[in-house]
PDB file of N, CA and C in Angstrom:
ATOM      1  N   MET A   1     144.555  56.602 143.947  1.00  0.00           N
ATOM      2  CA  MET A   1     146.228  55.994 144.654  1.00  0.00           C
ATOM      3  C   MET A   1     146.807  56.590 143.991  1.00  0.00           C
ATOM      4  N   ALA A   2     146.757  57.377 142.772  1.00  0.00           N
ATOM      5  CA  ALA A   2     147.778  57.717 142.213  1.00  0.00           C
ATOM      6  C   ALA A   2     147.689  59.590 142.735  1.00  0.00           C
ATOM      7  N   SER A   3     146.130  59.947 143.426  1.00  0.00           N
ATOM      8  CA  SER A   3     146.182  61.358 143.810  1.00  0.00           C
ATOM      9  C   SER A   3     148.112  60.904 144.947  1.00  0.00           C
ATOM     10  N   PHE A   4     147.539  60.124 145.764  1.00  0.00           N
ATOM     11  CA  PHE A   4     148.541  59.763 146.749  1.00  0.00           C
ATOM     12  C   PHE A   4     150.068  59.662 146.871  1.00  0.00           C
ATOM     13  N   GLU A   5     150.658  58.551 145.148  1.00  0.00           N
ATOM     14  CA  GLU A   5     151.994  58.432 144.958  1.00  0.00           C
ATOM     15  C   GLU A   5     152.731  60.478 144.395  1.00  0.00           C
ATOM     16  N   ASN A   6     150.919  60.625 143.814  1.00  0.00           N
ATOM     17  CA  ASN A   6     151.785  62.094 143.616  1.00  0.00           C
ATOM     18  C   ASN A   6     152.336  63.512 145.057  1.00  0.00           C
ATOM     19  N   MET A   7     151.759  62.729 145.257  1.00  0.00           N
ATOM     20  CA  MET A   7     152.149  63.659 147.292  1.00  0.00           C
ATOM     21  C   MET A   7     153.195  63.416 147.702  1.00  0.00           C
ATOM     22  N   TRP A   8     153.017  62.089 147.362  1.00  0.00           N
ATOM     23  CA  TRP A   8     154.435  61.460 148.509  1.00  0.00           C
ATOM     24  C   TRP A   8     155.830  61.527 147.390  1.00  0.00           C
ATOM     25  N   ASP A   9     155.860  61.609 145.403  1.00  0.00           N
ATOM     26  CA  ASP A   9     155.955  62.129 145.339  1.00  0.00           C
ATOM     27  C   ASP A   9     156.882  63.478 145.410  1.00  0.00           C
ATOM     28  N   LYS A  10     156.006  64.720 146.113  1.00  0.00           N
ATOM     29  CA  LYS A  10     156.316  65.453 145.807  1.00  0.00           C
ATOM     30  C   LYS A  10     157.311  65.991 147.194  1.00  0.00           C
ATOM     31  N   PHE A  11     156.779  65.496 148.922  1.00  0.00           N
ATOM     32  CA  PHE A  11     156.935  65.211 149.206  1.00  0.00           C
ATOM     33  C   PHE A  11     158.528  64.918 149.315  1.00  0.00           C
ATOM     34  N   LEU A  12     159.257  63.751 148.783  1.00  0.00           N
ATOM     35  CA  LEU A  12     160.508  63.933 148.563  1.00  0.00           C
ATOM     36  C   LEU A  12     161.389  64.015 147.673  1.00  0.00           C
ATOM     37  N   THR A  13     161.305  65.260 148.018  1.00  0.00           N
ATOM     38  CA  THR A  13     162.211  66.001 147.162  1.00  0.00           C
ATOM     39  C   THR A  13     163.679  66.438 148.055  1.00  0.00           C
ATOM     40  N   TYR A  14     164.941  66.435 147.148  1.00  0.00           N
ATOM     41  CA  TYR A  14     166.011  67.623 147.793  1.00  0.00           C
ATOM     42  C   TYR A  14     165.871  68.989 148.515  1.00  0.00           C
ATOM     43  N   ASP A  15     164.743  69.565 147.496  1.00  0.00           N
ATOM     44  CA  ASP A  15     165.089  71.304 147.797  1.00  0.00           C
ATOM     45  C   ASP A  15     163.912  70.697 149.847  1.00  0.00           C
ATOM     46  N   ASN A  16     162.724  70.281 149.387  1.00  0.00           N
ATOM     47  CA  ASN A  16     161.620  70.022 150.155  1.00  0.00           C
ATOM     48  C   ASN A  16     162.314  69.894 151.493  1.00  0.00           C
ATOM     49  N   PHE A  17     163.391  68.707 151.629  1.00  0.00           N
ATOM     50  CA  PHE A  17     164.054  68.145 152.995  1.00  0.00           C
ATOM     51  C   PHE A  17     165.498  69.415 153.098  1.00  0.00           C
ATOM     52  N   LEU A  18     165.627  69.552 152.358  1.00  0.00           N
ATOM     53  CA  LEU A  18     166.528  71.600 152.470  1.00  0.00           C
ATOM     54  C   LEU A  18     165.969  72.486 153.080  1.00  0.00           C
ATOM     55  N   LEU A  19     164.670  72.508 153.068  1.00  0.00           N
ATOM     56  CA  LEU A  19     164.390  73.595 153.744  1.00  0.00           C
ATOM     57  C   LEU A  19     163.459  72.824 155.445  1.00  0.00           C
ATOM     58  N   ALA A  20     163.397  71.889 155.148  1.00  0.00           N
ATOM     59  CA  ALA A  20     162.946  70.940 156.635  1.00  0.00           C
ATOM     60  C   ALA A  20     164.405  71.522 157.343  1.00  0.00           C
ATOM     61  N   TRP A  21     165.499  71.131 156.620  1.00  0.00           N
ATOM     62  CA  TRP A  21     166.733  71.270 157.646  1.00  0.00           C
ATOM     63  C   TRP A  21     167.310  72.723 158.193  1.00  0.00           C
ATOM     64  N   GLN A  22     166.572  73.293 157.472  1.00  0.00           N
ATOM     65  CA  GLN A  22     167.518  75.090 157.455  1.00  0.00           C
ATOM     66  C   GLN A  22     166.171  75.314 158.429  1.00  0.00           C
ATOM     67  N   ARG A  23     165.038  75.098 158.345  1.00  0.00           N
ATOM     68  CA  ARG A  23     164.353  75.274 159.488  1.00  0.00           C
ATOM     69  C   ARG A  23     164.342  74.774 160.382  1.00  0.00           C
ATOM     70  N   THR A  24     164.995  73.105 160.773  1.00  0.00           N
ATOM     71  CA  THR A  24     165.158  73.032 161.867  1.00  0.00           C
ATOM     72  C   THR A  24     166.318  73.731 162.914  1.00  0.00           C
ATOM     73  N   VAL A  25     167.670  74.186 161.793  1.00  0.00           N
ATOM     74  CA  VAL A  25     168.583  74.373 162.492  1.00  0.00           C
ATOM     75  C   VAL A  25     168.488  76.743 162.484  1.00  0.00           C
ATOM     76  N   ASN A  26     167.398  76.605 162.472  1.00  0.00           N
ATOM     77  CA  ASN A  26     167.111  77.756 162.160  1.00  0.00           C
ATOM     78  C   ASN A  26     166.684  78.762 163.896  1.00  0.00           C
ATOM     79  N   VAL A  27     165.819  77.812 164.138  1.00  0.00           N
ATOM     80  CA  VAL A  27     165.140  78.019 165.032  1.00  0.00           C
ATOM     81  C   VAL A  27     165.243  78.172 166.641  1.00  0.00           C
ATOM     82  N   THR A  28     165.296  79.355 166.926  1.00  0.00           N
ATOM     83  CA  THR A  28     165.705  79.562 167.735  1.00  0.00           C
ATOM     84  C   THR A  28     165.445  78.827 169.246  1.00  0.00           C
ATOM     85  N   SER A  29     163.934  78.667 169.500  1.00  0.00           N
ATOM     86  CA  SER A  29     164.103  78.288 170.767  1.00  0.00           C
ATOM     87  C   SER A  29     163.952  76.893 170.492  1.00  0.00           C
ATOM     88  N   ARG A  30     164.851  76.024 169.890  1.00  0.00           N
ATOM     89  CA  ARG A  30     165.320  74.424 169.485  1.00  0.00           C
ATOM     90  C   ARG A  30     165.855  74.134 171.268  1.00  0.00           C
ATOM     91  N   MET A  31     166.193  73.444 171.206  1.00  0.00           N
ATOM     92  CA  MET A  31     166.471  72.879 172.695  1.00  0.00           C
ATOM     93  C   MET A  31     167.103  71.794 171.787  1.00  0.00           C
ATOM     94  N   ILE A  32     168.858  71.699 171.845  1.00  0.00           N
ATOM     95  CA  ILE A  32     169.622  70.720 170.551  1.00  0.00           C
ATOM     96  C   ILE A  32     170.267  70.052 171.782  1.00  0.00           C
ATOM     97  N   ILE A  33     170.461  69.283 171.741  1.00  0.00           N
ATOM     98  CA  ILE A  33     170.834  68.031 172.394  1.00  0.00           C
ATOM     99  C   ILE A  33     172.503  67.777 172.263  1.00  0.00           C
ATOM    100  N   ASP A  34     172.263  67.627 170.582  1.00  0.00           N
ATOM    101  CA  ASP A  34     173.713  66.822 170.141  1.00  0.00           C
ATOM    102  C   ASP A  34     173.744  68.203 169.358  1.00  0.00           C
ATOM    103  N   GLU A  35     174.840  68.603 169.699  1.00  0.00           N
ATOM    104  CA  GLU A  35     174.801  69.798 168.436  1.00  0.00           C
ATOM    105  C   GLU A  35     175.863  69.424 167.888  1.00  0.00           C
ATOM    106  N   LEU A  36     176.725  68.465 168.128  1.00  0.00           N
ATOM    107  CA  LEU A  36     177.982  67.762 167.672  1.00  0.00           C
ATOM    108  C   LEU A  36     176.699  67.357 166.722  1.00  0.00           C
ATOM    109  N   GLY A  37     176.613  66.799 167.219  1.00  0.00           N
ATOM    110  CA  GLY A  37     175.581  65.817 165.228  1.00  0.00           C
ATOM    111  C   GLY A  37     174.793  66.378 164.596  1.00  0.00           C
ATOM    112  N   PHE A  38     174.610  67.448 164.938  1.00  0.00           N
ATOM    113  CA  PHE A  38     174.058  68.314 164.183  1.00  0.00           C
ATOM    114  C   PHE A  38     175.223  68.601 163.207  1.00  0.00           C
ATOM    115  N   GLN A  39     176.724  69.914 162.737  1.00  0.00           N
ATOM    116  CA  GLN A  39     178.025  69.353 162.810  1.00  0.00           C
ATOM    117  C   GLN A  39     178.035  68.909 162.341  1.00  0.00           C
ATOM    118  N   ILE A  40     177.787  67.503 162.477  1.00  0.00           N
ATOM    119  CA  ILE A  40     178.461  65.928 161.649  1.00  0.00           C
ATOM    120  C   ILE A  40     177.464  66.501 160.355  1.00  0.00           C
ATOM    121  N   PHE A  41     176.200  65.960 160.900  1.00  0.00           N
ATOM    122  CA  PHE A  41     174.793  65.668 159.309  1.00  0.00           C
ATOM    123  C   PHE A  41     175.248  66.906 158.825  1.00  0.00           C
ATOM    124  N   ALA A  42     176.164  67.776 159.238  1.00  0.00           N
ATOM    125  CA  ALA A  42     175.846  69.088 158.257  1.00  0.00           C
ATOM    126  C   ALA A  42     177.529  69.423 157.464  1.00  0.00           C
ATOM    127  N   PHE A  43     178.302  68.372 157.654  1.00  0.00           N
ATOM    128  CA  PHE A  43     180.075  68.573 157.016  1.00  0.00           C
ATOM    129  C   PHE A  43     178.901  68.358 155.571  1.00  0.00           C
ATOM    130  N   ASN A  44     178.545  67.299 155.432  1.00  0.00           N
ATOM    131  CA  ASN A  44     178.617  66.573 154.523  1.00  0.00           C
ATOM    132  C   ASN A  44     176.550  66.406 153.972  1.00  0.00           C
ATOM    133  N   LEU A  45     176.465  67.573 154.129  1.00  0.00           N
ATOM    134  CA  LEU A  45     174.632  68.289 154.090  1.00  0.00           C
ATOM    135  C   LEU A  45     174.194  67.429 152.623  1.00  0.00           C
ATOM    136  N   GLU A  46     174.367  67.608 151.620  1.00  0.00           N
ATOM    137  CA  GLU A  46     173.957  66.904 150.811  1.00  0.00           C
ATOM    138  C   GLU A  46     174.173  65.133 150.346  1.00  0.00           C
ATOM    139  N   ALA A  47     174.996  64.464 150.623  1.00  0.00           N
ATOM    140  CA  ALA A  47     174.754  63.261 150.826  1.00  0.00           C
ATOM    141  C   ALA A  47     173.874  63.197 151.597  1.00  0.00           C
ATOM    142  N   ASN A  48     174.177  63.743 152.413  1.00  0.00           N
ATOM    143  CA  ASN A  48     173.131  63.242 153.830  1.00  0.00           C
ATOM    144  C   ASN A  48     172.209  63.115 153.138  1.00  0.00           C
ATOM    145  N   LEU A  49     171.010  64.538 152.508  1.00  0.00           N
ATOM    146  CA  LEU A  49     169.278  64.457 152.989  1.00  0.00           C
ATOM    147  C   LEU A  49     169.241  63.617 151.724  1.00  0.00           C
ATOM    148  N   LYS A  50     170.252  63.389 150.254  1.00  0.00           N
ATOM    149  CA  LYS A  50     169.643  63.008 149.381  1.00  0.00           C
ATOM    150  C   LYS A  50     169.416  60.314 149.972  1.00  0.00           C
ATOM    151  N   ASP A  51     170.746  60.077 150.655  1.00  0.00           N
ATOM    152  CA  ASP A  51     170.817  59.043 151.905  1.00  0.00           C
ATOM    153  C   ASP A  51     169.370  58.821 152.525  1.00  0.00           C
ATOM    154  N   LEU A  52     169.131  59.948 153.297  1.00  0.00           N
ATOM    155  CA  LEU A  52     167.191  59.542 153.867  1.00  0.00           C
ATOM    156  C   LEU A  52     166.881  60.176 152.745  1.00  0.00           C
ATOM    157  N   ILE A  53     166.665  60.590 152.412  1.00  0.00           N
ATOM    158  CA  ILE A  53     164.971  60.500 151.228  1.00  0.00           C
ATOM    159  C   ILE A  53     165.539  58.913 150.718  1.00  0.00           C
ATOM    160  N   ARG A  54     166.330  58.500 150.375  1.00  0.00           N
ATOM    161  CA  ARG A  54     166.386  56.925 150.245  1.00  0.00           C
ATOM    162  C   ARG A  54     165.708  56.651 150.698  1.00  0.00           C
ATOM    163  N   GLN A  55     166.169  56.334 151.944  1.00  0.00           N
ATOM    164  CA  GLN A  55     165.656  55.381 153.406  1.00  0.00           C
ATOM    165  C   GLN A  55     164.332  55.405 153.100  1.00  0.00           C
ATOM    166  N   VAL A  56     163.539  57.136 153.180  1.00  0.00           N
ATOM    167  CA  VAL A  56     162.330  56.992 153.745  1.00  0.00           C
ATOM    168  C   VAL A  56     161.546  56.362 152.718  1.00  0.00           C
TER     169      VAL A  56
END
C-alpha cells in the first residue's frame, strides 16, 4: 500500500500537471473544439492546476 501512495504522491505534483498541460497545448494533431476554454484555463494556469490537483 505504501508503494501505491508513493506513486500517487509523485503523480499529484504541480510539475507533473504542468508538463501534462504543456503537452496537451503543444500537440499539433489535437482537435481543439474549445480554444477559448484553453485560453481561459491558461490565463490563471498556476491556480487552476493547483485547484485541479486538490480536486483529484
